[in-house]
PDB file of all heavy atoms in Angstrom:
ATOM      1  N   ILE A   1     199.562 196.297  27.810  1.00  0.00           N
ATOM      2  CA  ILE A   1     199.955 197.653  27.432  1.00  0.00           C
ATOM      3  C   ILE A   1     200.830 197.590  26.187  1.00  0.00           C
ATOM      4  O   ILE A   1     201.439 196.557  25.896  1.00  0.00           O
ATOM      5  CB  ILE A   1     200.694 198.374  28.582  1.00  0.00           C
ATOM      6  CG1 ILE A   1     201.943 197.595  29.000  1.00  0.00           C
ATOM      7  CG2 ILE A   1     199.758 198.590  29.767  1.00  0.00           C
ATOM      8  CD1 ILE A   1     202.829 198.317  29.986  1.00  0.00           C
ATOM      9  N   ASP A   2     200.899 198.710  25.463  1.00  0.00           N
ATOM     10  CA  ASP A   2     201.752 198.737  24.279  1.00  0.00           C
ATOM     11  C   ASP A   2     203.128 199.316  24.641  1.00  0.00           C
ATOM     12  O   ASP A   2     203.371 199.706  25.794  1.00  0.00           O
ATOM     13  CB  ASP A   2     201.085 199.500  23.136  1.00  0.00           C
ATOM     14  CG  ASP A   2     200.866 200.985  23.418  1.00  0.00           C
ATOM     15  OD1 ASP A   2     201.615 201.588  24.222  1.00  0.00           O
ATOM     16  OD2 ASP A   2     199.952 201.558  22.802  1.00  0.00           O
ATOM     17  N   GLY A   3     204.008 199.365  23.668  1.00  0.00           N
ATOM     18  CA  GLY A   3     205.372 199.826  23.906  1.00  0.00           C
ATOM     19  C   GLY A   3     205.461 201.256  24.392  1.00  0.00           C
ATOM     20  O   GLY A   3     206.291 201.578  25.246  1.00  0.00           O
ATOM     21  N   GLU A   4     204.611 202.127  23.874  1.00  0.00           N
ATOM     22  CA  GLU A   4     204.622 203.528  24.302  1.00  0.00           C
ATOM     23  C   GLU A   4     204.198 203.647  25.763  1.00  0.00           C
ATOM     24  O   GLU A   4     204.808 204.397  26.537  1.00  0.00           O
ATOM     25  CB  GLU A   4     203.717 204.381  23.413  1.00  0.00           C
ATOM     26  CG  GLU A   4     204.253 204.595  22.011  1.00  0.00           C
ATOM     27  CD  GLU A   4     205.550 205.387  21.964  1.00  0.00           C
ATOM     28  OE1 GLU A   4     205.792 206.237  22.848  1.00  0.00           O
ATOM     29  OE2 GLU A   4     206.333 205.147  21.035  1.00  0.00           O
ATOM     30  N   GLN A   5     203.148 202.931  26.137  1.00  0.00           N
ATOM     31  CA  GLN A   5     202.705 202.948  27.538  1.00  0.00           C
ATOM     32  C   GLN A   5     203.805 202.369  28.433  1.00  0.00           C
ATOM     33  O   GLN A   5     204.064 202.899  29.520  1.00  0.00           O
ATOM     34  CB  GLN A   5     201.419 202.143  27.694  1.00  0.00           C
ATOM     35  CG  GLN A   5     200.220 202.772  27.021  1.00  0.00           C
ATOM     36  CD  GLN A   5     199.044 201.813  26.951  1.00  0.00           C
ATOM     37  OE1 GLN A   5     199.172 200.687  26.472  1.00  0.00           O
ATOM     38  NE2 GLN A   5     197.899 202.258  27.442  1.00  0.00           N
ATOM     39  N   ALA A   6     204.432 201.299  27.980  1.00  0.00           N
ATOM     40  CA  ALA A   6     205.507 200.682  28.758  1.00  0.00           C
ATOM     41  C   ALA A   6     206.664 201.650  28.958  1.00  0.00           C
ATOM     42  O   ALA A   6     207.257 201.721  30.042  1.00  0.00           O
ATOM     43  CB  ALA A   6     205.986 199.402  28.067  1.00  0.00           C
ATOM     44  N   PHE A   7     206.980 202.417  27.918  1.00  0.00           N
ATOM     45  CA  PHE A   7     208.045 203.408  28.028  1.00  0.00           C
ATOM     46  C   PHE A   7     207.665 204.504  29.020  1.00  0.00           C
ATOM     47  O   PHE A   7     208.474 204.892  29.866  1.00  0.00           O
ATOM     48  CB  PHE A   7     208.365 204.015  26.662  1.00  0.00           C
ATOM     49  CG  PHE A   7     209.391 205.097  26.722  1.00  0.00           C
ATOM     50  CD1 PHE A   7     210.726 204.798  26.941  1.00  0.00           C
ATOM     51  CD2 PHE A   7     209.023 206.428  26.570  1.00  0.00           C
ATOM     52  CE1 PHE A   7     211.683 205.811  27.022  1.00  0.00           C
ATOM     53  CE2 PHE A   7     209.967 207.440  26.632  1.00  0.00           C
ATOM     54  CZ  PHE A   7     211.301 207.127  26.858  1.00  0.00           C
ATOM     55  N   SER A   8     206.429 204.973  28.952  1.00  0.00           N
ATOM     56  CA  SER A   8     206.012 206.073  29.818  1.00  0.00           C
ATOM     57  C   SER A   8     206.031 205.684  31.294  1.00  0.00           C
ATOM     58  O   SER A   8     206.196 206.539  32.151  1.00  0.00           O
ATOM     59  CB  SER A   8     204.631 206.602  29.424  1.00  0.00           C
ATOM     60  OG  SER A   8     203.623 205.681  29.768  1.00  0.00           O
ATOM     61  N   MET A   9     205.871 204.396  31.595  1.00  0.00           N
ATOM     62  CA  MET A   9     205.904 203.966  32.994  1.00  0.00           C
ATOM     63  C   MET A   9     207.256 203.399  33.416  1.00  0.00           C
ATOM     64  O   MET A   9     207.413 202.963  34.546  1.00  0.00           O
ATOM     65  CB  MET A   9     204.775 202.965  33.289  1.00  0.00           C
ATOM     66  CG  MET A   9     204.841 201.689  32.519  1.00  0.00           C
ATOM     67  SD  MET A   9     203.466 200.537  32.879  1.00  0.00           S
ATOM     68  CE  MET A   9     202.054 201.431  32.318  1.00  0.00           C
ATOM     69  N   GLY A  10     208.230 203.417  32.511  1.00  0.00           N
ATOM     70  CA  GLY A  10     209.568 202.955  32.859  1.00  0.00           C
ATOM     71  C   GLY A  10     209.770 201.456  32.743  1.00  0.00           C
ATOM     72  O   GLY A  10     210.793 200.937  33.172  1.00  0.00           O
ATOM     73  N   LEU A  11     208.831 200.762  32.136  1.00  0.00           N
ATOM     74  CA  LEU A  11     208.966 199.310  31.964  1.00  0.00           C
ATOM     75  C   LEU A  11     209.998 198.976  30.898  1.00  0.00           C
ATOM     76  O   LEU A  11     210.709 197.982  30.994  1.00  0.00           O
ATOM     77  CB  LEU A  11     207.611 198.693  31.614  1.00  0.00           C
ATOM     78  CG  LEU A  11     207.564 197.204  31.337  1.00  0.00           C
ATOM     79  CD1 LEU A  11     208.129 196.388  32.486  1.00  0.00           C
ATOM     80  CD2 LEU A  11     206.128 196.776  31.058  1.00  0.00           C
ATOM     81  N   VAL A  12     210.077 199.813  29.861  1.00  0.00           N
ATOM     82  CA  VAL A  12     211.092 199.625  28.825  1.00  0.00           C
ATOM     83  C   VAL A  12     211.954 200.868  28.739  1.00  0.00           C
ATOM     84  O   VAL A  12     211.514 201.969  29.053  1.00  0.00           O
ATOM     85  CB  VAL A  12     210.469 199.285  27.440  1.00  0.00           C
ATOM     86  CG1 VAL A  12     209.657 198.000  27.514  1.00  0.00           C
ATOM     87  CG2 VAL A  12     209.639 200.422  26.891  1.00  0.00           C
ATOM     88  N   ASN A  13     213.199 200.688  28.312  1.00  0.00           N
ATOM     89  CA  ASN A  13     214.132 201.796  28.184  1.00  0.00           C
ATOM     90  C   ASN A  13     213.867 202.631  26.946  1.00  0.00           C
ATOM     91  O   ASN A  13     214.118 203.840  26.937  1.00  0.00           O
ATOM     92  CB  ASN A  13     215.572 201.282  28.129  1.00  0.00           C
ATOM     93  CG  ASN A  13     215.951 200.516  29.366  1.00  0.00           C
ATOM     94  OD1 ASN A  13     215.536 199.375  29.533  1.00  0.00           O
ATOM     95  ND2 ASN A  13     216.709 201.125  30.240  1.00  0.00           N
ATOM     96  N   HIS A  14     213.394 201.970  25.884  1.00  0.00           N
ATOM     97  CA  HIS A  14     213.133 202.641  24.618  1.00  0.00           C
ATOM     98  C   HIS A  14     211.898 202.033  23.972  1.00  0.00           C
ATOM     99  O   HIS A  14     211.709 200.815  24.029  1.00  0.00           O
ATOM    100  CB  HIS A  14     214.319 202.486  23.652  1.00  0.00           C
ATOM    101  CG  HIS A  14     215.604 202.988  24.200  1.00  0.00           C
ATOM    102  ND1 HIS A  14     215.981 204.311  24.127  1.00  0.00           N
ATOM    103  CD2 HIS A  14     216.602 202.351  24.867  1.00  0.00           C
ATOM    104  CE1 HIS A  14     217.160 204.457  24.708  1.00  0.00           C
ATOM    105  NE2 HIS A  14     217.558 203.287  25.168  1.00  0.00           N
ATOM    106  N   ALA A  15     211.098 202.871  23.333  1.00  0.00           N
ATOM    107  CA  ALA A  15     209.994 202.421  22.487  1.00  0.00           C
ATOM    108  C   ALA A  15     210.232 203.030  21.112  1.00  0.00           C
ATOM    109  O   ALA A  15     210.471 204.240  20.998  1.00  0.00           O
ATOM    110  CB  ALA A  15     208.648 202.864  23.042  1.00  0.00           C
ATOM    111  N   VAL A  16     210.201 202.194  20.092  1.00  0.00           N
ATOM    112  CA  VAL A  16     210.506 202.642  18.739  1.00  0.00           C
ATOM    113  C   VAL A  16     209.377 202.252  17.795  1.00  0.00           C
ATOM    114  O   VAL A  16     208.742 201.210  17.985  1.00  0.00           O
ATOM    115  CB  VAL A  16     211.847 202.053  18.248  1.00  0.00           C
ATOM    116  CG1 VAL A  16     213.010 202.585  19.067  1.00  0.00           C
ATOM    117  CG2 VAL A  16     211.837 200.533  18.289  1.00  0.00           C
ATOM    118  N   PRO A  17     209.114 203.080  16.785  1.00  0.00           N
ATOM    119  CA  PRO A  17     208.085 202.711  15.807  1.00  0.00           C
ATOM    120  C   PRO A  17     208.491 201.420  15.088  1.00  0.00           C
ATOM    121  O   PRO A  17     209.665 201.248  14.738  1.00  0.00           O
ATOM    122  CB  PRO A  17     208.059 203.890  14.831  1.00  0.00           C
ATOM    123  CG  PRO A  17     208.770 205.002  15.514  1.00  0.00           C
ATOM    124  CD  PRO A  17     209.709 204.384  16.499  1.00  0.00           C
ATOM    125  N   GLN A  18     207.533 200.546  14.873  1.00  0.00           N
ATOM    126  CA  GLN A  18     207.838 199.290  14.196  1.00  0.00           C
ATOM    127  C   GLN A  18     208.175 199.562  12.727  1.00  0.00           C
ATOM    128  O   GLN A  18     207.614 200.458  12.119  1.00  0.00           O
ATOM    129  CB  GLN A  18     206.652 198.318  14.304  1.00  0.00           C
ATOM    130  CG  GLN A  18     206.937 196.903  13.815  1.00  0.00           C
ATOM    131  CD  GLN A  18     208.120 196.247  14.477  1.00  0.00           C
ATOM    132  OE1 GLN A  18     209.274 196.505  14.106  1.00  0.00           O
ATOM    133  NE2 GLN A  18     207.862 195.419  15.476  1.00  0.00           N
ATOM    134  N   ASN A  19     209.101 198.792  12.177  1.00  0.00           N
ATOM    135  CA  ASN A  19     209.481 198.931  10.772  1.00  0.00           C
ATOM    136  C   ASN A  19     208.809 197.838   9.935  1.00  0.00           C
ATOM    137  O   ASN A  19     208.126 196.964  10.473  1.00  0.00           O
ATOM    138  CB  ASN A  19     211.015 198.904  10.619  1.00  0.00           C
ATOM    139  CG  ASN A  19     211.624 197.604  11.118  1.00  0.00           C
ATOM    140  OD1 ASN A  19     210.986 196.551  11.148  1.00  0.00           O
ATOM    141  ND2 ASN A  19     212.888 197.675  11.515  1.00  0.00           N
ATOM    142  N   SER A  20     208.999 197.899   8.629  1.00  0.00           N
ATOM    143  CA  SER A  20     208.332 196.941   7.738  1.00  0.00           C
ATOM    144  C   SER A  20     208.870 195.519   7.902  1.00  0.00           C
ATOM    145  O   SER A  20     208.171 194.553   7.578  1.00  0.00           O
ATOM    146  CB  SER A  20     208.464 197.390   6.279  1.00  0.00           C
ATOM    147  OG  SER A  20     209.831 197.482   5.915  1.00  0.00           O
ATOM    148  N   GLN A  21     210.082 195.369   8.417  1.00  0.00           N
ATOM    149  CA  GLN A  21     210.641 194.040   8.660  1.00  0.00           C
ATOM    150  C   GLN A  21     210.157 193.437   9.980  1.00  0.00           C
ATOM    151  O   GLN A  21     210.365 192.258  10.241  1.00  0.00           O
ATOM    152  CB  GLN A  21     212.185 194.074   8.672  1.00  0.00           C
ATOM    153  CG  GLN A  21     212.815 194.405   7.334  1.00  0.00           C
ATOM    154  CD  GLN A  21     212.789 195.900   7.054  1.00  0.00           C
ATOM    155  OE1 GLN A  21     212.822 196.735   7.970  1.00  0.00           O
ATOM    156  NE2 GLN A  21     212.704 196.272   5.794  1.00  0.00           N
ATOM    157  N   GLY A  22     209.545 194.255  10.819  1.00  0.00           N
ATOM    158  CA  GLY A  22     209.052 193.773  12.105  1.00  0.00           C
ATOM    159  C   GLY A  22     210.137 193.563  13.138  1.00  0.00           C
ATOM    160  O   GLY A  22     209.949 192.824  14.102  1.00  0.00           O
ATOM    161  N   ASP A  23     211.291 194.234  12.961  1.00  0.00           N
ATOM    162  CA  ASP A  23     212.394 194.045  13.910  1.00  0.00           C
ATOM    163  C   ASP A  23     212.973 195.356  14.436  1.00  0.00           C
ATOM    164  O   ASP A  23     214.155 195.451  14.750  1.00  0.00           O
ATOM    165  CB  ASP A  23     213.497 193.191  13.275  1.00  0.00           C
ATOM    166  CG  ASP A  23     214.260 193.904  12.155  1.00  0.00           C
ATOM    167  OD1 ASP A  23     213.826 194.983  11.695  1.00  0.00           O
ATOM    168  OD2 ASP A  23     215.309 193.379  11.751  1.00  0.00           O
ATOM    169  N   ALA A  24     212.140 196.374  14.551  1.00  0.00           N
ATOM    170  CA  ALA A  24     212.621 197.692  14.996  1.00  0.00           C
ATOM    171  C   ALA A  24     213.230 197.643  16.390  1.00  0.00           C
ATOM    172  O   ALA A  24     214.270 198.261  16.639  1.00  0.00           O
ATOM    173  CB  ALA A  24     211.487 198.708  14.948  1.00  0.00           C
ATOM    174  N   ALA A  25     212.603 196.911  17.307  1.00  0.00           N
ATOM    175  CA  ALA A  25     213.150 196.821  18.667  1.00  0.00           C
ATOM    176  C   ALA A  25     214.498 196.106  18.647  1.00  0.00           C
ATOM    177  O   ALA A  25     215.427 196.503  19.351  1.00  0.00           O
ATOM    178  CB  ALA A  25     212.171 196.096  19.588  1.00  0.00           C
ATOM    179  N   TYR A  26     214.604 195.071  17.840  1.00  0.00           N
ATOM    180  CA  TYR A  26     215.870 194.354  17.724  1.00  0.00           C
ATOM    181  C   TYR A  26     216.960 195.277  17.179  1.00  0.00           C
ATOM    182  O   TYR A  26     218.081 195.296  17.701  1.00  0.00           O
ATOM    183  CB  TYR A  26     215.701 193.122  16.842  1.00  0.00           C
ATOM    184  CG  TYR A  26     216.986 192.384  16.576  1.00  0.00           C
ATOM    185  CD1 TYR A  26     217.709 191.810  17.617  1.00  0.00           C
ATOM    186  CD2 TYR A  26     217.481 192.266  15.288  1.00  0.00           C
ATOM    187  CE1 TYR A  26     218.894 191.138  17.380  1.00  0.00           C
ATOM    188  CE2 TYR A  26     218.667 191.588  15.037  1.00  0.00           C
ATOM    189  CZ  TYR A  26     219.376 191.027  16.087  1.00  0.00           C
ATOM    190  OH  TYR A  26     220.547 190.364  15.850  1.00  0.00           O
ATOM    191  N   GLN A  27     216.636 196.054  16.150  1.00  0.00           N
ATOM    192  CA  GLN A  27     217.625 196.971  15.585  1.00  0.00           C
ATOM    193  C   GLN A  27     218.074 198.002  16.616  1.00  0.00           C
ATOM    194  O   GLN A  27     219.264 198.303  16.733  1.00  0.00           O
ATOM    195  CB  GLN A  27     217.073 197.653  14.327  1.00  0.00           C
ATOM    196  CG  GLN A  27     216.829 196.698  13.167  1.00  0.00           C
ATOM    197  CD  GLN A  27     218.068 195.926  12.757  1.00  0.00           C
ATOM    198  OE1 GLN A  27     219.172 196.465  12.738  1.00  0.00           O
ATOM    199  NE2 GLN A  27     217.903 194.650  12.435  1.00  0.00           N
ATOM    200  N   ARG A  28     217.123 198.522  17.414  1.00  0.00           N
ATOM    201  CA  ARG A  28     217.484 199.490  18.466  1.00  0.00           C
ATOM    202  C   ARG A  28     218.290 198.805  19.561  1.00  0.00           C
ATOM    203  O   ARG A  28     219.216 199.391  20.121  1.00  0.00           O
ATOM    204  CB  ARG A  28     216.225 200.150  19.036  1.00  0.00           C
ATOM    205  CG  ARG A  28     216.516 201.179  20.119  1.00  0.00           C
ATOM    206  CD  ARG A  28     217.312 202.362  19.558  1.00  0.00           C
ATOM    207  NE  ARG A  28     217.595 203.345  20.568  1.00  0.00           N
ATOM    208  CZ  ARG A  28     218.751 203.433  21.258  1.00  0.00           C
ATOM    209  NH1 ARG A  28     219.738 202.579  21.023  1.00  0.00           N
ATOM    210  NH2 ARG A  28     218.920 204.365  22.165  1.00  0.00           N
ATOM    211  N   ALA A  29     217.955 197.549  19.872  1.00  0.00           N
ATOM    212  CA  ALA A  29     218.711 196.792  20.876  1.00  0.00           C
ATOM    213  C   ALA A  29     220.155 196.577  20.412  1.00  0.00           C
ATOM    214  O   ALA A  29     221.089 196.674  21.219  1.00  0.00           O
ATOM    215  CB  ALA A  29     218.036 195.455  21.159  1.00  0.00           C
ATOM    216  N   LEU A  30     220.345 196.315  19.130  1.00  0.00           N
ATOM    217  CA  LEU A  30     221.712 196.164  18.598  1.00  0.00           C
ATOM    218  C   LEU A  30     222.487 197.469  18.712  1.00  0.00           C
ATOM    219  O   LEU A  30     223.673 197.457  19.060  1.00  0.00           O
ATOM    220  CB  LEU A  30     221.670 195.713  17.135  1.00  0.00           C
ATOM    221  CG  LEU A  30     221.255 194.276  16.880  1.00  0.00           C
ATOM    222  CD1 LEU A  30     221.258 193.990  15.375  1.00  0.00           C
ATOM    223  CD2 LEU A  30     222.157 193.297  17.602  1.00  0.00           C
ATOM    224  N   THR A  31     221.826 198.592  18.436  1.00  0.00           N
ATOM    225  CA  THR A  31     222.478 199.897  18.584  1.00  0.00           C
ATOM    226  C   THR A  31     222.893 200.119  20.039  1.00  0.00           C
ATOM    227  O   THR A  31     224.007 200.582  20.313  1.00  0.00           O
ATOM    228  CB  THR A  31     221.534 201.024  18.109  1.00  0.00           C
ATOM    229  OG1 THR A  31     221.220 200.796  16.738  1.00  0.00           O
ATOM    230  CG2 THR A  31     222.160 202.392  18.287  1.00  0.00           C
ATOM    231  N   LEU A  32     222.015 199.774  20.949  1.00  0.00           N
ATOM    232  CA  LEU A  32     222.321 199.898  22.377  1.00  0.00           C
ATOM    233  C   LEU A  32     223.492 198.991  22.760  1.00  0.00           C
ATOM    234  O   LEU A  32     224.404 199.407  23.485  1.00  0.00           O
ATOM    235  CB  LEU A  32     221.070 199.565  23.187  1.00  0.00           C
ATOM    236  CG  LEU A  32     221.063 199.837  24.673  1.00  0.00           C
ATOM    237  CD1 LEU A  32     221.445 201.271  25.005  1.00  0.00           C
ATOM    238  CD2 LEU A  32     219.687 199.507  25.238  1.00  0.00           C
ATOM    239  N   ALA A  33     223.476 197.756  22.261  1.00  0.00           N
ATOM    240  CA  ALA A  33     224.577 196.824  22.536  1.00  0.00           C
ATOM    241  C   ALA A  33     225.896 197.384  22.019  1.00  0.00           C
ATOM    242  O   ALA A  33     226.934 197.271  22.686  1.00  0.00           O
ATOM    243  CB  ALA A  33     224.284 195.459  21.909  1.00  0.00           C
ATOM    244  N   LYS A  34     225.849 198.016  20.845  1.00  0.00           N
ATOM    245  CA  LYS A  34     227.068 198.592  20.268  1.00  0.00           C
ATOM    246  C   LYS A  34     227.578 199.774  21.088  1.00  0.00           C
ATOM    247  O   LYS A  34     228.771 200.087  21.044  1.00  0.00           O
ATOM    248  CB  LYS A  34     226.819 199.001  18.819  1.00  0.00           C
ATOM    249  CG  LYS A  34     226.688 197.802  17.899  1.00  0.00           C
ATOM    250  CD  LYS A  34     226.305 198.218  16.488  1.00  0.00           C
ATOM    251  CE  LYS A  34     226.048 196.995  15.632  1.00  0.00           C
ATOM    252  NZ  LYS A  34     225.500 197.346  14.307  1.00  0.00           N
ATOM    253  N   GLU A  35     226.703 200.433  21.830  1.00  0.00           N
ATOM    254  CA  GLU A  35     227.136 201.497  22.736  1.00  0.00           C
ATOM    255  C   GLU A  35     227.841 200.921  23.959  1.00  0.00           C
ATOM    256  O   GLU A  35     228.708 201.564  24.552  1.00  0.00           O
ATOM    257  CB  GLU A  35     225.942 202.331  23.196  1.00  0.00           C
ATOM    258  CG  GLU A  35     225.349 203.239  22.152  1.00  0.00           C
ATOM    259  CD  GLU A  35     224.197 204.054  22.723  1.00  0.00           C
ATOM    260  OE1 GLU A  35     224.422 204.823  23.684  1.00  0.00           O
ATOM    261  OE2 GLU A  35     223.071 203.899  22.214  1.00  0.00           O
ATOM    262  N   ILE A  36     227.442 199.713  24.363  1.00  0.00           N
ATOM    263  CA  ILE A  36     228.021 199.062  25.539  1.00  0.00           C
ATOM    264  C   ILE A  36     229.373 198.428  25.201  1.00  0.00           C
ATOM    265  O   ILE A  36     230.303 198.472  26.014  1.00  0.00           O
ATOM    266  CB  ILE A  36     227.037 198.001  26.101  1.00  0.00           C
ATOM    267  CG1 ILE A  36     225.762 198.679  26.601  1.00  0.00           C
ATOM    268  CG2 ILE A  36     227.692 197.166  27.200  1.00  0.00           C
ATOM    269  CD1 ILE A  36     224.618 197.723  26.912  1.00  0.00           C
ATOM    270  N   LEU A  37     229.496 197.853  24.009  1.00  0.00           N
ATOM    271  CA  LEU A  37     230.691 197.087  23.643  1.00  0.00           C
ATOM    272  C   LEU A  37     232.025 197.803  23.841  1.00  0.00           C
ATOM    273  O   LEU A  37     232.979 197.180  24.307  1.00  0.00           O
ATOM    274  CB  LEU A  37     230.581 196.585  22.199  1.00  0.00           C
ATOM    275  CG  LEU A  37     229.632 195.423  21.993  1.00  0.00           C
ATOM    276  CD1 LEU A  37     229.536 195.065  20.518  1.00  0.00           C
ATOM    277  CD2 LEU A  37     230.046 194.214  22.807  1.00  0.00           C
ATOM    278  N   PRO A  38     232.150 199.093  23.514  1.00  0.00           N
ATOM    279  CA  PRO A  38     233.467 199.726  23.684  1.00  0.00           C
ATOM    280  C   PRO A  38     233.858 199.983  25.140  1.00  0.00           C
ATOM    281  O   PRO A  38     235.003 200.320  25.424  1.00  0.00           O
ATOM    282  CB  PRO A  38     233.359 201.045  22.924  1.00  0.00           C
ATOM    283  CG  PRO A  38     231.989 201.156  22.406  1.00  0.00           C
ATOM    284  CD  PRO A  38     231.210 199.968  22.834  1.00  0.00           C
ATOM    285  N   GLN A  39     232.915 199.834  26.055  1.00  0.00           N
ATOM    286  CA  GLN A  39     233.206 200.122  27.461  1.00  0.00           C
ATOM    287  C   GLN A  39     234.047 198.978  28.054  1.00  0.00           C
ATOM    288  O   GLN A  39     234.022 197.849  27.570  1.00  0.00           O
ATOM    289  CB  GLN A  39     231.912 200.316  28.239  1.00  0.00           C
ATOM    290  CG  GLN A  39     230.930 201.297  27.608  1.00  0.00           C
ATOM    291  CD  GLN A  39     231.562 202.573  27.091  1.00  0.00           C
ATOM    292  OE1 GLN A  39     232.401 203.179  27.739  1.00  0.00           O
ATOM    293  NE2 GLN A  39     231.166 202.977  25.894  1.00  0.00           N
ATOM    294  N   ALA A  40     234.759 199.290  29.097  1.00  0.00           N
ATOM    295  CA  ALA A  40     235.635 198.300  29.734  1.00  0.00           C
ATOM    296  C   ALA A  40     234.807 197.131  30.259  1.00  0.00           C
ATOM    297  O   ALA A  40     233.917 197.328  31.089  1.00  0.00           O
ATOM    298  CB  ALA A  40     236.413 198.953  30.869  1.00  0.00           C
ATOM    299  N   PRO A  41     235.074 195.914  29.771  1.00  0.00           N
ATOM    300  CA  PRO A  41     234.239 194.757  30.143  1.00  0.00           C
ATOM    301  C   PRO A  41     234.155 194.524  31.650  1.00  0.00           C
ATOM    302  O   PRO A  41     233.075 194.255  32.177  1.00  0.00           O
ATOM    303  CB  PRO A  41     234.910 193.569  29.451  1.00  0.00           C
ATOM    304  CG  PRO A  41     235.841 194.130  28.461  1.00  0.00           C
ATOM    305  CD  PRO A  41     236.136 195.550  28.862  1.00  0.00           C
ATOM    306  N   PHE A  42     235.272 194.639  32.333  1.00  0.00           N
ATOM    307  CA  PHE A  42     235.266 194.403  33.777  1.00  0.00           C
ATOM    308  C   PHE A  42     234.427 195.454  34.492  1.00  0.00           C
ATOM    309  O   PHE A  42     233.651 195.134  35.398  1.00  0.00           O
ATOM    310  CB  PHE A  42     236.701 194.389  34.325  1.00  0.00           C
ATOM    311  CG  PHE A  42     236.774 194.068  35.789  1.00  0.00           C
ATOM    312  CD1 PHE A  42     236.574 192.774  36.244  1.00  0.00           C
ATOM    313  CD2 PHE A  42     237.024 195.068  36.724  1.00  0.00           C
ATOM    314  CE1 PHE A  42     236.620 192.471  37.590  1.00  0.00           C
ATOM    315  CE2 PHE A  42     237.069 194.776  38.074  1.00  0.00           C
ATOM    316  CZ  PHE A  42     236.871 193.471  38.517  1.00  0.00           C
TER     317      PHE A  42
END
């Protein structure tokens, strides 16, 4: 299955259009990580 199908069935949290560098998922994953970082680690 592709990323869109995976998203529609809940296999992935986010599906993003691929960029010219081929790292769109990585860039979105970094954004997600940055949302987690300010939260209390414990």
